[in-house]
């Protein structure tokens, strides 16, 4: 399996679902509180932007437009982020 396939699988099976869950939790929290702080709005915006970027990366891989080296580098960054979040 090449780096593009590994990155696509990692994004679609790990990162994107985690982001969608976090976005849903933020919406739920904001809805229950009936308002959102500036920090909450910024966090929600950051999560939505990261979600969109991940979707763009998957599209780029599917279109065959991502160089193998770039996919490898991005995959390494995401694995490091995911590992740091779990600690």
N, C-alpha and C. Protein backbone atom coordinates (compact mmCIF):
# COMPACT_ATOMS: atom_id res chain seq x y z
N UNK A 1 0.86 -1.18 0.00
CA UNK A 1 0.00 0.00 0.00
C UNK A 1 0.91 1.24 0.00
N UNK A 2 0.66 2.14 -0.94
CA UNK A 2 1.50 3.34 -1.02
C UNK A 2 1.02 4.41 -0.03
N UNK A 3 1.78 5.47 0.07
CA UNK A 3 1.48 6.53 1.04
C UNK A 3 0.16 7.22 0.75
N UNK A 4 -0.18 7.38 -0.52
CA UNK A 4 -1.46 8.00 -0.86
C UNK A 4 -2.62 7.16 -0.31
N UNK A 5 -2.57 5.85 -0.51
CA UNK A 5 -3.63 4.98 -0.03
C UNK A 5 -3.68 4.97 1.50
N UNK A 6 -2.50 4.93 2.14
CA UNK A 6 -2.44 4.95 3.60
C UNK A 6 -3.04 6.24 4.14
N UNK A 7 -2.67 7.38 3.53
CA UNK A 7 -3.19 8.67 3.96
C UNK A 7 -4.70 8.74 3.78
N UNK A 8 -5.18 8.32 2.63
CA UNK A 8 -6.62 8.35 2.36
C UNK A 8 -7.37 7.49 3.38
N UNK A 9 -6.88 6.29 3.64
CA UNK A 9 -7.52 5.40 4.61
C UNK A 9 -7.50 6.01 6.01
N UNK A 10 -6.36 6.58 6.40
CA UNK A 10 -6.24 7.17 7.73
C UNK A 10 -7.21 8.34 7.89
N UNK A 11 -7.29 9.17 6.85
CA UNK A 11 -8.21 10.31 6.90
C UNK A 11 -9.66 9.86 6.95
N UNK A 12 -10.04 8.95 6.08
CA UNK A 12 -11.45 8.56 6.00
C UNK A 12 -11.89 7.67 7.15
N UNK A 13 -10.97 6.92 7.75
CA UNK A 13 -11.36 6.00 8.82
C UNK A 13 -11.07 6.53 10.22
N UNK A 14 -10.16 7.47 10.34
CA UNK A 14 -9.76 7.95 11.66
C UNK A 14 -10.05 9.45 11.85
N UNK A 15 -9.39 10.27 11.06
CA UNK A 15 -9.39 11.72 11.28
C UNK A 15 -10.75 12.35 10.99
N UNK A 16 -11.31 12.11 9.81
CA UNK A 16 -12.57 12.74 9.43
C UNK A 16 -13.70 12.34 10.39
N UNK A 17 -13.85 11.04 10.73
CA UNK A 17 -14.90 10.70 11.71
C UNK A 17 -14.69 11.37 13.07
N UNK A 18 -13.43 11.47 13.51
CA UNK A 18 -13.14 12.15 14.78
C UNK A 18 -13.53 13.63 14.71
N UNK A 19 -13.21 14.26 13.60
CA UNK A 19 -13.55 15.67 13.43
C UNK A 19 -15.07 15.87 13.40
N UNK A 20 -15.76 14.99 12.69
CA UNK A 20 -17.22 15.10 12.61
C UNK A 20 -17.85 14.92 13.99
N UNK A 21 -17.31 14.00 14.79
CA UNK A 21 -17.81 13.80 16.14
C UNK A 21 -17.56 15.05 17.00
N UNK A 22 -16.38 15.62 16.89
CA UNK A 22 -16.04 16.82 17.66
C UNK A 22 -16.92 18.00 17.25
N UNK A 23 -17.18 18.14 15.95
CA UNK A 23 -18.05 19.21 15.45
C UNK A 23 -19.47 19.02 15.99
N UNK A 24 -19.96 17.78 15.94
CA UNK A 24 -21.30 17.49 16.47
C UNK A 24 -21.39 17.82 17.96
N UNK A 25 -20.34 17.46 18.71
CA UNK A 25 -20.33 17.74 20.15
C UNK A 25 -20.34 19.25 20.41
N UNK A 26 -19.58 20.00 19.61
CA UNK A 26 -19.55 21.46 19.78
C UNK A 26 -20.93 22.05 19.50
N UNK A 27 -21.58 21.61 18.41
CA UNK A 27 -22.93 22.10 18.09
C UNK A 27 -23.90 21.77 19.22
N UNK A 28 -23.80 20.57 19.74
CA UNK A 28 -24.68 20.15 20.82
C UNK A 28 -24.46 21.00 22.07
N UNK A 29 -23.20 21.23 22.40
CA UNK A 29 -22.87 22.03 23.57
C UNK A 29 -23.39 23.47 23.41
N UNK A 30 -23.18 24.03 22.24
CA UNK A 30 -23.64 25.40 21.97
C UNK A 30 -25.17 25.47 22.02
N UNK A 31 -25.81 24.44 21.47
CA UNK A 31 -27.28 24.42 21.47
C UNK A 31 -27.82 24.33 22.90
N UNK A 32 -27.22 23.50 23.73
CA UNK A 32 -27.68 23.37 25.12
C UNK A 32 -27.46 24.66 25.91
N UNK A 33 -26.36 25.33 25.65
CA UNK A 33 -26.06 26.58 26.36
C UNK A 33 -26.82 27.76 25.79
N UNK A 34 -27.40 27.59 24.62
CA UNK A 34 -28.15 28.63 23.92
C UNK A 34 -27.29 29.81 23.47
N UNK A 35 -25.98 29.66 23.64
CA UNK A 35 -25.06 30.68 23.14
C UNK A 35 -23.66 30.09 23.10
N UNK A 36 -22.79 30.76 22.38
CA UNK A 36 -21.42 30.27 22.27
C UNK A 36 -20.46 31.41 22.58
N UNK A 37 -19.42 31.06 23.31
CA UNK A 37 -18.38 32.05 23.59
C UNK A 37 -17.55 32.26 22.32
N UNK A 38 -16.77 33.28 22.32
CA UNK A 38 -15.88 33.53 21.18
C UNK A 38 -14.93 32.36 21.00
N UNK A 39 -14.42 31.83 22.12
CA UNK A 39 -13.51 30.68 22.06
C UNK A 39 -14.19 29.46 21.45
N UNK A 40 -15.45 29.23 21.83
CA UNK A 40 -16.20 28.11 21.27
C UNK A 40 -16.39 28.27 19.77
N UNK A 41 -16.73 29.49 19.36
CA UNK A 41 -16.92 29.75 17.93
C UNK A 41 -15.62 29.55 17.16
N UNK A 42 -14.51 30.00 17.74
CA UNK A 42 -13.21 29.83 17.08
C UNK A 42 -12.84 28.35 16.99
N UNK A 43 -13.08 27.60 18.06
CA UNK A 43 -12.77 26.17 18.04
C UNK A 43 -13.62 25.45 16.99
N UNK A 44 -14.90 25.79 16.94
CA UNK A 44 -15.79 25.19 15.96
C UNK A 44 -15.32 25.53 14.54
N UNK A 45 -14.95 26.77 14.32
CA UNK A 45 -14.46 27.17 13.00
C UNK A 45 -13.18 26.41 12.64
N UNK A 46 -12.27 26.26 13.60
CA UNK A 46 -11.03 25.51 13.36
C UNK A 46 -11.33 24.06 12.99
N UNK A 47 -12.26 23.45 13.72
CA UNK A 47 -12.62 22.06 13.42
C UNK A 47 -13.23 21.94 12.03
N UNK A 48 -14.10 22.88 11.68
CA UNK A 48 -14.73 22.85 10.36
C UNK A 48 -13.71 23.07 9.24
N UNK A 49 -12.75 23.95 9.47
CA UNK A 49 -11.70 24.18 8.48
C UNK A 49 -10.83 22.94 8.30
N UNK A 50 -10.46 22.30 9.41
CA UNK A 50 -9.65 21.09 9.32
C UNK A 50 -10.41 19.98 8.61
N UNK A 51 -11.71 19.88 8.89
CA UNK A 51 -12.56 18.88 8.23
C UNK A 51 -12.56 19.12 6.72
N UNK A 52 -12.73 20.37 6.31
CA UNK A 52 -12.74 20.71 4.88
C UNK A 52 -11.39 20.41 4.24
N UNK A 53 -10.31 20.72 4.95
CA UNK A 53 -8.97 20.45 4.42
C UNK A 53 -8.76 18.95 4.24
N UNK A 54 -9.22 18.16 5.18
CA UNK A 54 -9.08 16.70 5.07
C UNK A 54 -9.86 16.18 3.87
N UNK A 55 -11.07 16.69 3.70
CA UNK A 55 -11.88 16.28 2.55
C UNK A 55 -11.18 16.67 1.24
N UNK A 56 -10.55 17.86 1.21
CA UNK A 56 -9.82 18.30 0.02
C UNK A 56 -8.63 17.38 -0.27
N UNK A 57 -7.94 16.96 0.78
CA UNK A 57 -6.80 16.05 0.61
C UNK A 57 -7.28 14.73 0.02
N UNK A 58 -8.38 14.19 0.53
CA UNK A 58 -8.93 12.94 0.00
C UNK A 58 -9.29 13.12 -1.48
N UNK A 59 -9.90 14.24 -1.82
CA UNK A 59 -10.27 14.50 -3.22
C UNK A 59 -9.03 14.58 -4.11
N UNK A 60 -8.00 15.22 -3.58
CA UNK A 60 -6.74 15.35 -4.33
C UNK A 60 -6.11 13.97 -4.58
N UNK A 61 -6.16 13.12 -3.57
CA UNK A 61 -5.62 11.76 -3.72
C UNK A 61 -6.44 10.99 -4.75
N UNK A 62 -7.76 11.07 -4.64
CA UNK A 62 -8.64 10.35 -5.57
C UNK A 62 -8.45 10.81 -7.00
N UNK A 63 -8.09 12.08 -7.18
CA UNK A 63 -7.87 12.62 -8.53
C UNK A 63 -6.46 12.30 -9.03
N UNK A 64 -5.64 11.70 -8.17
CA UNK A 64 -4.27 11.36 -8.57
C UNK A 64 -3.35 12.56 -8.65
N UNK A 65 -3.69 13.61 -7.89
CA UNK A 65 -2.93 14.86 -7.97
C UNK A 65 -1.93 15.05 -6.84
N UNK A 66 -1.85 14.08 -5.91
CA UNK A 66 -0.96 14.25 -4.77
C UNK A 66 0.31 13.43 -4.98
N UNK A 67 1.46 14.11 -4.94
CA UNK A 67 2.72 13.37 -5.04
C UNK A 67 2.90 12.46 -3.83
N UNK A 68 3.53 11.33 -4.05
CA UNK A 68 3.75 10.33 -3.00
C UNK A 68 4.49 10.92 -1.80
N UNK A 69 5.49 11.76 -2.06
CA UNK A 69 6.29 12.34 -0.97
C UNK A 69 5.43 13.27 -0.10
N UNK A 70 4.56 14.03 -0.74
CA UNK A 70 3.68 14.93 0.00
C UNK A 70 2.71 14.13 0.87
N UNK A 71 2.16 13.06 0.31
CA UNK A 71 1.23 12.21 1.06
C UNK A 71 1.93 11.61 2.28
N UNK A 72 3.16 11.19 2.08
CA UNK A 72 3.93 10.60 3.18
C UNK A 72 4.16 11.63 4.30
N UNK A 73 4.49 12.85 3.91
CA UNK A 73 4.72 13.92 4.89
C UNK A 73 3.44 14.27 5.65
N UNK A 74 2.34 14.40 4.94
CA UNK A 74 1.06 14.73 5.57
C UNK A 74 0.63 13.60 6.51
N UNK A 75 0.80 12.37 6.05
CA UNK A 75 0.43 11.22 6.88
C UNK A 75 1.22 11.23 8.18
N UNK A 76 2.50 11.50 8.09
CA UNK A 76 3.35 11.55 9.29
C UNK A 76 2.84 12.60 10.27
N UNK A 77 2.48 13.79 9.74
CA UNK A 77 1.97 14.86 10.60
C UNK A 77 0.67 14.46 11.30
N UNK A 78 -0.25 13.85 10.55
CA UNK A 78 -1.53 13.45 11.13
C UNK A 78 -1.35 12.35 12.18
N UNK A 79 -0.46 11.40 11.91
CA UNK A 79 -0.21 10.33 12.88
C UNK A 79 0.36 10.92 14.16
N UNK A 80 1.28 11.88 14.04
CA UNK A 80 1.86 12.53 15.21
C UNK A 80 0.79 13.30 15.99
N UNK A 81 -0.09 14.01 15.29
CA UNK A 81 -1.17 14.75 15.94
C UNK A 81 -2.11 13.79 16.68
N UNK A 82 -2.49 12.72 16.01
CA UNK A 82 -3.42 11.75 16.59
C UNK A 82 -2.79 11.11 17.83
N UNK A 83 -1.52 10.76 17.74
CA UNK A 83 -0.82 10.14 18.87
C UNK A 83 -0.73 11.11 20.04
N UNK A 84 -0.45 12.37 19.76
CA UNK A 84 -0.36 13.39 20.82
C UNK A 84 -1.72 13.60 21.49
N UNK A 85 -2.81 13.54 20.72
CA UNK A 85 -4.15 13.72 21.28
C UNK A 85 -4.53 12.57 22.20
N UNK A 86 -4.03 11.38 21.93
CA UNK A 86 -4.39 10.21 22.71
C UNK A 86 -3.61 10.11 24.01
N UNK A 87 -2.54 10.86 24.13
CA UNK A 87 -1.71 10.80 25.35
C UNK A 87 -2.28 11.63 26.46
